[in-house]
Amino acid sequence: MRLDSKVHGTLVKNKDGKEIPEDEFVVFRPHDDAFWDALCYYRNRLVVYNASVAQLEATDALLDRVRAWRDSHPDRCKVADVALGELRT
């Protein structure tokens, strides 16, 4: 079962080149205003769960990239929406 019904495609892990099945990923895009909040919350939860320093640093780097993208594209940032007929299962 595809988890994300708004997009589809192939994701491949950098560390081993293995494809991630569609029932194991969802896609959040940097223009989604709520994604920023969710990513910050995720970062805080990593601390609570005692995540590794490497995971914290990787998440911090992602936060930096998303922040830079949003700062460079304020006209594209918005509240997420779904058009009628857009979702596929």
PDB file of N, CA and C in Angstrom:
ATOM      1  N   MET A   1       0.846  -1.185   0.000  1.00  0.00           N
ATOM      2  CA  MET A   1       0.000   0.000   0.000  1.00  0.00           C
ATOM      3  C   MET A   1       0.885   1.239   0.000  1.00  0.00           C
ATOM      4  N   ARG A   2       0.650   2.120  -0.916  1.00  0.00           N
ATOM      5  CA  ARG A   2       1.376   3.385  -0.961  1.00  0.00           C
ATOM      6  C   ARG A   2       0.914   4.254   0.202  1.00  0.00           C
ATOM      7  N   LEU A   3       1.855   4.772   0.982  1.00  0.00           N
ATOM      8  CA  LEU A   3       1.501   5.645   2.104  1.00  0.00           C
ATOM      9  C   LEU A   3       1.152   7.044   1.634  1.00  0.00           C
ATOM     10  N   ASP A   4       1.928   7.584   0.703  1.00  0.00           N
ATOM     11  CA  ASP A   4       1.724   8.951   0.234  1.00  0.00           C
ATOM     12  C   ASP A   4       0.914   8.908  -1.048  1.00  0.00           C
ATOM     13  N   SER A   5      -0.325   9.375  -0.990  1.00  0.00           N
ATOM     14  CA  SER A   5      -1.195   9.293  -2.158  1.00  0.00           C
ATOM     15  C   SER A   5      -1.144  10.548  -3.022  1.00  0.00           C
ATOM     16  N   LYS A   6      -0.284  11.506  -2.664  1.00  0.00           N
ATOM     17  CA  LYS A   6      -0.195  12.742  -3.435  1.00  0.00           C
ATOM     18  C   LYS A   6       0.942  12.713  -4.456  1.00  0.00           C
ATOM     19  N   VAL A   7       1.974  11.909  -4.191  1.00  0.00           N
ATOM     20  CA  VAL A   7       3.109  11.801  -5.104  1.00  0.00           C
ATOM     21  C   VAL A   7       3.501  10.330  -5.240  1.00  0.00           C
ATOM     22  N   HIS A   8       4.261  10.047  -6.274  1.00  0.00           N
ATOM     23  CA  HIS A   8       4.799   8.704  -6.428  1.00  0.00           C
ATOM     24  C   HIS A   8       6.169   8.798  -7.085  1.00  0.00           C
ATOM     25  N   GLY A   9       6.920   7.749  -6.974  1.00  0.00           N
ATOM     26  CA  GLY A   9       8.239   7.753  -7.572  1.00  0.00           C
ATOM     27  C   GLY A   9       9.113   6.701  -6.915  1.00  0.00           C
ATOM     28  N   THR A  10      10.380   6.798  -7.187  1.00  0.00           N
ATOM     29  CA  THR A  10      11.340   5.844  -6.660  1.00  0.00           C
ATOM     30  C   THR A  10      12.327   6.576  -5.769  1.00  0.00           C
ATOM     31  N   LEU A  11      12.502   6.072  -4.570  1.00  0.00           N
ATOM     32  CA  LEU A  11      13.512   6.596  -3.653  1.00  0.00           C
ATOM     33  C   LEU A  11      14.559   5.518  -3.453  1.00  0.00           C
ATOM     34  N   VAL A  12      15.817   5.931  -3.458  1.00  0.00           N
ATOM     35  CA  VAL A  12      16.922   5.003  -3.296  1.00  0.00           C
ATOM     36  C   VAL A  12      17.804   5.502  -2.159  1.00  0.00           C
ATOM     37  N   LYS A  13      18.162   4.593  -1.240  1.00  0.00           N
ATOM     38  CA  LYS A  13      19.020   4.962  -0.117  1.00  0.00           C
ATOM     39  C   LYS A  13      20.452   5.175  -0.598  1.00  0.00           C
ATOM     40  N   ASN A  14      21.046   6.271  -0.175  1.00  0.00           N
ATOM     41  CA  ASN A  14      22.435   6.565  -0.550  1.00  0.00           C
ATOM     42  C   ASN A  14      23.407   5.532   0.003  1.00  0.00           C
ATOM     43  N   LYS A  15      23.163   5.056   1.217  1.00  0.00           N
ATOM     44  CA  LYS A  15      24.162   4.211   1.873  1.00  0.00           C
ATOM     45  C   LYS A  15      24.338   2.846   1.222  1.00  0.00           C
ATOM     46  N   ASP A  16      23.289   2.312   0.583  1.00  0.00           N
ATOM     47  CA  ASP A  16      23.437   0.970   0.001  1.00  0.00           C
ATOM     48  C   ASP A  16      22.795   0.803  -1.364  1.00  0.00           C
ATOM     49  N   GLY A  17      22.194   1.880  -1.890  1.00  0.00           N
ATOM     50  CA  GLY A  17      21.605   1.816  -3.218  1.00  0.00           C
ATOM     51  C   GLY A  17      20.298   1.045  -3.307  1.00  0.00           C
ATOM     52  N   LYS A  18      19.749   0.644  -2.162  1.00  0.00           N
ATOM     53  CA  LYS A  18      18.498  -0.113  -2.168  1.00  0.00           C
ATOM     54  C   LYS A  18      17.298   0.814  -2.313  1.00  0.00           C
ATOM     55  N   GLU A  19      16.332   0.354  -3.099  1.00  0.00           N
ATOM     56  CA  GLU A  19      15.091   1.110  -3.298  1.00  0.00           C
ATOM     57  C   GLU A  19      14.219   0.988  -2.054  1.00  0.00           C
ATOM     58  N   ILE A  20      13.560   2.093  -1.704  1.00  0.00           N
ATOM     59  CA  ILE A  20      12.634   2.109  -0.571  1.00  0.00           C
ATOM     60  C   ILE A  20      11.232   1.883  -1.126  1.00  0.00           C
ATOM     61  N   PRO A  21      10.535   0.847  -0.663  1.00  0.00           N
ATOM     62  CA  PRO A  21       9.186   0.577  -1.159  1.00  0.00           C
ATOM     63  C   PRO A  21       8.229   1.732  -0.843  1.00  0.00           C
ATOM     64  N   GLU A  22       7.204   1.890  -1.685  1.00  0.00           N
ATOM     65  CA  GLU A  22       6.253   2.993  -1.508  1.00  0.00           C
ATOM     66  C   GLU A  22       5.458   2.888  -0.218  1.00  0.00           C
ATOM     67  N   ASP A  23       5.463   1.735   0.420  1.00  0.00           N
ATOM     68  CA  ASP A  23       4.748   1.628   1.693  1.00  0.00           C
ATOM     69  C   ASP A  23       5.657   1.952   2.878  1.00  0.00           C
ATOM     70  N   GLU A  24       6.847   2.537   2.587  1.00  0.00           N
ATOM     71  CA  GLU A  24       7.770   2.910   3.654  1.00  0.00           C
ATOM     72  C   GLU A  24       8.214   4.366   3.593  1.00  0.00           C
ATOM     73  N   PHE A  25       7.555   5.203   2.794  1.00  0.00           N
ATOM     74  CA  PHE A  25       7.942   6.617   2.791  1.00  0.00           C
ATOM     75  C   PHE A  25       6.753   7.520   2.537  1.00  0.00           C
ATOM     76  N   VAL A  26       6.873   8.726   3.062  1.00  0.00           N
ATOM     77  CA  VAL A  26       5.970   9.832   2.761  1.00  0.00           C
ATOM     78  C   VAL A  26       6.851  11.013   2.362  1.00  0.00           C
ATOM     79  N   VAL A  27       6.272  11.932   1.608  1.00  0.00           N
ATOM     80  CA  VAL A  27       7.035  13.072   1.106  1.00  0.00           C
ATOM     81  C   VAL A  27       6.477  14.362   1.703  1.00  0.00           C
ATOM     82  N   PHE A  28       7.372  15.142   2.282  1.00  0.00           N
ATOM     83  CA  PHE A  28       7.042  16.495   2.713  1.00  0.00           C
ATOM     84  C   PHE A  28       7.926  17.428   1.915  1.00  0.00           C
ATOM     85  N   ARG A  29       7.366  18.530   1.451  1.00  0.00           N
ATOM     86  CA  ARG A  29       8.125  19.466   0.631  1.00  0.00           C
ATOM     87  C   ARG A  29       8.382  20.754   1.399  1.00  0.00           C
ATOM     88  N   PRO A  30       9.505  21.412   1.109  1.00  0.00           N
ATOM     89  CA  PRO A  30       9.905  22.571   1.913  1.00  0.00           C
ATOM     90  C   PRO A  30       8.967  23.769   1.809  1.00  0.00           C
ATOM     91  N   HIS A  31       8.139  23.829   0.778  1.00  0.00           N
ATOM     92  CA  HIS A  31       7.235  24.974   0.655  1.00  0.00           C
ATOM     93  C   HIS A  31       6.040  24.881   1.603  1.00  0.00           C
ATOM     94  N   ASP A  32       5.810  23.705   2.180  1.00  0.00           N
ATOM     95  CA  ASP A  32       4.688  23.476   3.088  1.00  0.00           C
ATOM     96  C   ASP A  32       4.988  24.130   4.436  1.00  0.00           C
ATOM     97  N   ASP A  33       4.199  25.145   4.792  1.00  0.00           N
ATOM     98  CA  ASP A  33       4.434  25.869   6.040  1.00  0.00           C
ATOM     99  C   ASP A  33       4.433  24.952   7.264  1.00  0.00           C
ATOM    100  N   ALA A  34       3.561  23.964   7.277  1.00  0.00           N
ATOM    101  CA  ALA A  34       3.479  23.070   8.435  1.00  0.00           C
ATOM    102  C   ALA A  34       4.676  22.123   8.515  1.00  0.00           C
ATOM    103  N   PHE A  35       5.324  21.855   7.379  1.00  0.00           N
ATOM    104  CA  PHE A  35       6.477  20.955   7.399  1.00  0.00           C
ATOM    105  C   PHE A  35       7.591  21.514   8.264  1.00  0.00           C
ATOM    106  N   TRP A  36       7.828  22.813   8.186  1.00  0.00           N
ATOM    107  CA  TRP A  36       8.875  23.418   9.004  1.00  0.00           C
ATOM    108  C   TRP A  36       8.621  23.126  10.483  1.00  0.00           C
ATOM    109  N   ASP A  37       7.381  23.355  10.915  1.00  0.00           N
ATOM    110  CA  ASP A  37       7.032  23.097  12.311  1.00  0.00           C
ATOM    111  C   ASP A  37       7.205  21.617  12.661  1.00  0.00           C
ATOM    112  N   ALA A  38       6.786  20.748  11.763  1.00  0.00           N
ATOM    113  CA  ALA A  38       6.906  19.308  12.008  1.00  0.00           C
ATOM    114  C   ALA A  38       8.373  18.891  12.100  1.00  0.00           C
ATOM    115  N   LEU A  39       9.205  19.455  11.247  1.00  0.00           N
ATOM    116  CA  LEU A  39      10.621  19.117  11.264  1.00  0.00           C
ATOM    117  C   LEU A  39      11.293  19.597  12.560  1.00  0.00           C
ATOM    118  N   CYS A  40      10.924  20.770  13.027  1.00  0.00           N
ATOM    119  CA  CYS A  40      11.453  21.268  14.302  1.00  0.00           C
ATOM    120  C   CYS A  40      10.995  20.375  15.460  1.00  0.00           C
ATOM    121  N   TYR A  41       9.750  19.967  15.425  1.00  0.00           N
ATOM    122  CA  TYR A  41       9.236  19.059  16.459  1.00  0.00           C
ATOM    123  C   TYR A  41       9.991  17.730  16.417  1.00  0.00           C
ATOM    124  N   TYR A  42      10.198  17.205  15.217  1.00  0.00           N
ATOM    125  CA  TYR A  42      10.942  15.960  15.042  1.00  0.00           C
ATOM    126  C   TYR A  42      12.335  16.076  15.658  1.00  0.00           C
ATOM    127  N   ARG A  43      13.000  17.189  15.391  1.00  0.00           N
ATOM    128  CA  ARG A  43      14.347  17.413  15.938  1.00  0.00           C
ATOM    129  C   ARG A  43      14.325  17.366  17.464  1.00  0.00           C
ATOM    130  N   ASN A  44      13.337  17.998  18.071  1.00  0.00           N
ATOM    131  CA  ASN A  44      13.223  17.989  19.528  1.00  0.00           C
ATOM    132  C   ASN A  44      12.939  16.591  20.067  1.00  0.00           C
ATOM    133  N   ARG A  45      12.135  15.815  19.352  1.00  0.00           N
ATOM    134  CA  ARG A  45      11.826  14.456  19.784  1.00  0.00           C
ATOM    135  C   ARG A  45      13.055  13.561  19.707  1.00  0.00           C
ATOM    136  N   LEU A  46      13.937  13.816  18.745  1.00  0.00           N
ATOM    137  CA  LEU A  46      15.167  13.034  18.662  1.00  0.00           C
ATOM    138  C   LEU A  46      15.970  13.139  19.951  1.00  0.00           C
ATOM    139  N   VAL A  47      15.991  14.321  20.535  1.00  0.00           N
ATOM    140  CA  VAL A  47      16.701  14.522  21.799  1.00  0.00           C
ATOM    141  C   VAL A  47      16.043  13.686  22.896  1.00  0.00           C
ATOM    142  N   VAL A  48      14.716  13.727  22.968  1.00  0.00           N
ATOM    143  CA  VAL A  48      13.987  12.957  23.975  1.00  0.00           C
ATOM    144  C   VAL A  48      14.276  11.462  23.826  1.00  0.00           C
ATOM    145  N   TYR A  49      14.378  10.994  22.588  1.00  0.00           N
ATOM    146  CA  TYR A  49      14.627   9.571  22.327  1.00  0.00           C
ATOM    147  C   TYR A  49      16.113   9.198  22.357  1.00  0.00           C
ATOM    148  N   ASN A  50      16.951  10.148  22.737  1.00  0.00           N
ATOM    149  CA  ASN A  50      18.394   9.898  22.808  1.00  0.00           C
ATOM    150  C   ASN A  50      18.983   9.428  21.476  1.00  0.00           C
ATOM    151  N   ALA A  51      18.606  10.100  20.412  1.00  0.00           N
ATOM    152  CA  ALA A  51      19.148   9.775  19.091  1.00  0.00           C
ATOM    153  C   ALA A  51      20.648  10.050  19.069  1.00  0.00           C
ATOM    154  N   SER A  52      21.319   9.420  18.142  1.00  0.00           N
ATOM    155  CA  SER A  52      22.771   9.591  18.037  1.00  0.00           C
ATOM    156  C   SER A  52      23.124  11.021  17.626  1.00  0.00           C
ATOM    157  N   VAL A  53      24.342  11.402  17.939  1.00  0.00           N
ATOM    158  CA  VAL A  53      24.838  12.713  17.526  1.00  0.00           C
ATOM    159  C   VAL A  53      24.793  12.828  16.009  1.00  0.00           C
ATOM    160  N   ALA A  54      25.124  11.755  15.305  1.00  0.00           N
ATOM    161  CA  ALA A  54      25.091  11.776  13.839  1.00  0.00           C
ATOM    162  C   ALA A  54      23.684  12.079  13.323  1.00  0.00           C
ATOM    163  N   GLN A  55      22.652  11.493  13.950  1.00  0.00           N
ATOM    164  CA  GLN A  55      21.271  11.753  13.518  1.00  0.00           C
ATOM    165  C   GLN A  55      20.889  13.199  13.812  1.00  0.00           C
ATOM    166  N   LEU A  56      21.283  13.700  14.972  1.00  0.00           N
ATOM    167  CA  LEU A  56      20.989  15.096  15.308  1.00  0.00           C
ATOM    168  C   LEU A  56      21.667  16.047  14.325  1.00  0.00           C
ATOM    169  N   GLU A  57      22.912  15.770  13.994  1.00  0.00           N
ATOM    170  CA  GLU A  57      23.632  16.626  13.050  1.00  0.00           C
ATOM    171  C   GLU A  57      23.020  16.561  11.652  1.00  0.00           C
ATOM    172  N   ALA A  58      22.598  15.376  11.228  1.00  0.00           N
ATOM    173  CA  ALA A  58      21.955  15.241   9.922  1.00  0.00           C
ATOM    174  C   ALA A  58      20.642  16.011   9.881  1.00  0.00           C
ATOM    175  N   THR A  59      19.899  15.961  10.977  1.00  0.00           N
ATOM    176  CA  THR A  59      18.631  16.690  11.045  1.00  0.00           C
ATOM    177  C   THR A  59      18.877  18.192  11.091  1.00  0.00           C
ATOM    178  N   ASP A  60      19.892  18.619  11.803  1.00  0.00           N
ATOM    179  CA  ASP A  60      20.251  20.037  11.827  1.00  0.00           C
ATOM    180  C   ASP A  60      20.622  20.525  10.419  1.00  0.00           C
ATOM    181  N   ALA A  61      21.357  19.699   9.679  1.00  0.00           N
ATOM    182  CA  ALA A  61      21.733  20.065   8.314  1.00  0.00           C
ATOM    183  C   ALA A  61      20.493  20.160   7.424  1.00  0.00           C
ATOM    184  N   LEU A  62      19.551  19.247   7.612  1.00  0.00           N
ATOM    185  CA  LEU A  62      18.304  19.311   6.854  1.00  0.00           C
ATOM    186  C   LEU A  62      17.536  20.583   7.209  1.00  0.00           C
ATOM    187  N   LEU A  63      17.463  20.898   8.491  1.00  0.00           N
ATOM    188  CA  LEU A  63      16.809  22.143   8.914  1.00  0.00           C
ATOM    189  C   LEU A  63      17.465  23.350   8.243  1.00  0.00           C
ATOM    190  N   ASP A  64      18.781  23.372   8.182  1.00  0.00           N
ATOM    191  CA  ASP A  64      19.494  24.471   7.527  1.00  0.00           C
ATOM    192  C   ASP A  64      19.139  24.560   6.042  1.00  0.00           C
ATOM    193  N   ARG A  65      19.088  23.402   5.367  1.00  0.00           N
ATOM    194  CA  ARG A  65      18.763  23.403   3.936  1.00  0.00           C
ATOM    195  C   ARG A  65      17.329  23.848   3.693  1.00  0.00           C
ATOM    196  N   VAL A  66      16.410  23.372   4.517  1.00  0.00           N
ATOM    197  CA  VAL A  66      14.996  23.762   4.356  1.00  0.00           C
ATOM    198  C   VAL A  66      14.831  25.251   4.649  1.00  0.00           C
ATOM    199  N   ARG A  67      15.470  25.734   5.703  1.00  0.00           N
ATOM    200  CA  ARG A  67      15.391  27.160   6.029  1.00  0.00           C
ATOM    201  C   ARG A  67      15.941  28.001   4.878  1.00  0.00           C
ATOM    202  N   ALA A  68      17.067  27.605   4.329  1.00  0.00           N
ATOM    203  CA  ALA A  68      17.668  28.349   3.213  1.00  0.00           C
ATOM    204  C   ALA A  68      16.743  28.337   1.997  1.00  0.00           C
ATOM    205  N   TRP A  69      16.138  27.196   1.713  1.00  0.00           N
ATOM    206  CA  TRP A  69      15.222  27.116   0.576  1.00  0.00           C
ATOM    207  C   TRP A  69      14.034  28.048   0.791  1.00  0.00           C
ATOM    208  N   ARG A  70      13.460  28.000   1.999  1.00  0.00           N
ATOM    209  CA  ARG A  70      12.294  28.832   2.290  1.00  0.00           C
ATOM    210  C   ARG A  70      12.654  30.311   2.245  1.00  0.00           C
ATOM    211  N   ASP A  71      13.836  30.674   2.735  1.00  0.00           N
ATOM    212  CA  ASP A  71      14.278  32.070   2.682  1.00  0.00           C
ATOM    213  C   ASP A  71      14.471  32.539   1.243  1.00  0.00           C
ATOM    214  N   SER A  72      14.890  31.631   0.374  1.00  0.00           N
ATOM    215  CA  SER A  72      15.133  31.971  -1.032  1.00  0.00           C
ATOM    216  C   SER A  72      13.871  31.942  -1.883  1.00  0.00           C
ATOM    217  N   HIS A  73      12.804  31.314  -1.377  1.00  0.00           N
ATOM    218  CA  HIS A  73      11.574  31.149  -2.155  1.00  0.00           C
ATOM    219  C   HIS A  73      10.326  31.499  -1.343  1.00  0.00           C
ATOM    220  N   PRO A  74      10.283  32.666  -0.716  1.00  0.00           N
ATOM    221  CA  PRO A  74       9.120  32.979   0.126  1.00  0.00           C
ATOM    222  C   PRO A  74       7.807  33.006  -0.664  1.00  0.00           C
ATOM    223  N   ASP A  75       7.895  33.314  -1.941  1.00  0.00           N
ATOM    224  CA  ASP A  75       6.696  33.367  -2.774  1.00  0.00           C
ATOM    225  C   ASP A  75       6.113  31.977  -3.049  1.00  0.00           C
ATOM    226  N   ARG A  76       6.879  30.929  -2.804  1.00  0.00           N
ATOM    227  CA  ARG A  76       6.406  29.565  -3.051  1.00  0.00           C
ATOM    228  C   ARG A  76       5.963  28.865  -1.778  1.00  0.00           C
ATOM    229  N   CYS A  77       6.193  29.486  -0.613  1.00  0.00           N
ATOM    230  CA  CYS A  77       5.797  28.889   0.655  1.00  0.00           C
ATOM    231  C   CYS A  77       4.303  29.111   0.878  1.00  0.00           C
ATOM    232  N   LYS A  78       3.635  28.063   1.394  1.00  0.00           N
ATOM    233  CA  LYS A  78       2.179  28.156   1.551  1.00  0.00           C
ATOM    234  C   LYS A  78       1.682  27.073   2.496  1.00  0.00           C
ATOM    235  N   VAL A  79       0.423  27.195   2.856  1.00  0.00           N
ATOM    236  CA  VAL A  79      -0.244  26.138   3.597  1.00  0.00           C
ATOM    237  C   VAL A  79      -0.533  25.012   2.604  1.00  0.00           C
ATOM    238  N   ALA A  80      -0.268  23.802   3.016  1.00  0.00           N
ATOM    239  CA  ALA A  80      -0.483  22.661   2.121  1.00  0.00           C
ATOM    240  C   ALA A  80      -1.937  22.583   1.681  1.00  0.00           C
ATOM    241  N   ASP A  81      -2.124  22.076   0.477  1.00  0.00           N
ATOM    242  CA  ASP A  81      -3.474  21.893  -0.044  1.00  0.00           C
ATOM    243  C   ASP A  81      -3.503  20.661  -0.941  1.00  0.00           C
ATOM    244  N   VAL A  82      -4.702  20.187  -1.187  1.00  0.00           N
ATOM    245  CA  VAL A  82      -4.907  19.048  -2.067  1.00  0.00           C
ATOM    246  C   VAL A  82      -6.026  19.411  -3.026  1.00  0.00           C
ATOM    247  N   ALA A  83      -5.751  19.277  -4.310  1.00  0.00           N
ATOM    248  CA  ALA A  83      -6.765  19.548  -5.323  1.00  0.00           C
ATOM    249  C   ALA A  83      -7.683  18.348  -5.483  1.00  0.00           C
ATOM    250  N   LEU A  84      -8.924  18.600  -5.851  1.00  0.00           N
ATOM    251  CA  LEU A  84      -9.889  17.535  -6.094  1.00  0.00           C
ATOM    252  C   LEU A  84      -9.339  16.584  -7.144  1.00  0.00           C
ATOM    253  N   GLY A  85      -9.337  15.302  -6.867  1.00  0.00           N
ATOM    254  CA  GLY A  85      -8.863  14.309  -7.802  1.00  0.00           C
ATOM    255  C   GLY A  85      -7.362  14.114  -7.818  1.00  0.00           C
ATOM    256  N   GLU A  86      -6.638  14.811  -6.958  1.00  0.00           N
ATOM    257  CA  GLU A  86      -5.183  14.749  -6.949  1.00  0.00           C
ATOM    258  C   GLU A  86      -4.638  13.480  -6.310  1.00  0.00           C
ATOM    259  N   LEU A  87      -5.331  12.937  -5.348  1.00  0.00           N
ATOM    260  CA  LEU A  87      -4.823  11.790  -4.597  1.00  0.00           C
ATOM    261  C   LEU A  87      -5.044  10.484  -5.346  1.00  0.00           C
ATOM    262  N   ARG A  88      -4.007   9.644  -5.314  1.00  0.00           N
ATOM    263  CA  ARG A  88      -4.079   8.298  -5.915  1.00  0.00           C
ATOM    264  C   ARG A  88      -3.675   7.290  -4.857  1.00  0.00           C
ATOM    265  N   THR A  89      -4.353   6.174  -4.840  1.00  0.00           N
ATOM    266  CA  THR A  89      -3.990   5.122  -3.892  1.00  0.00           C
ATOM    267  C   THR A  89      -3.353   3.962  -4.595  1.00  0.00           C
TER     268      THR A  89
END
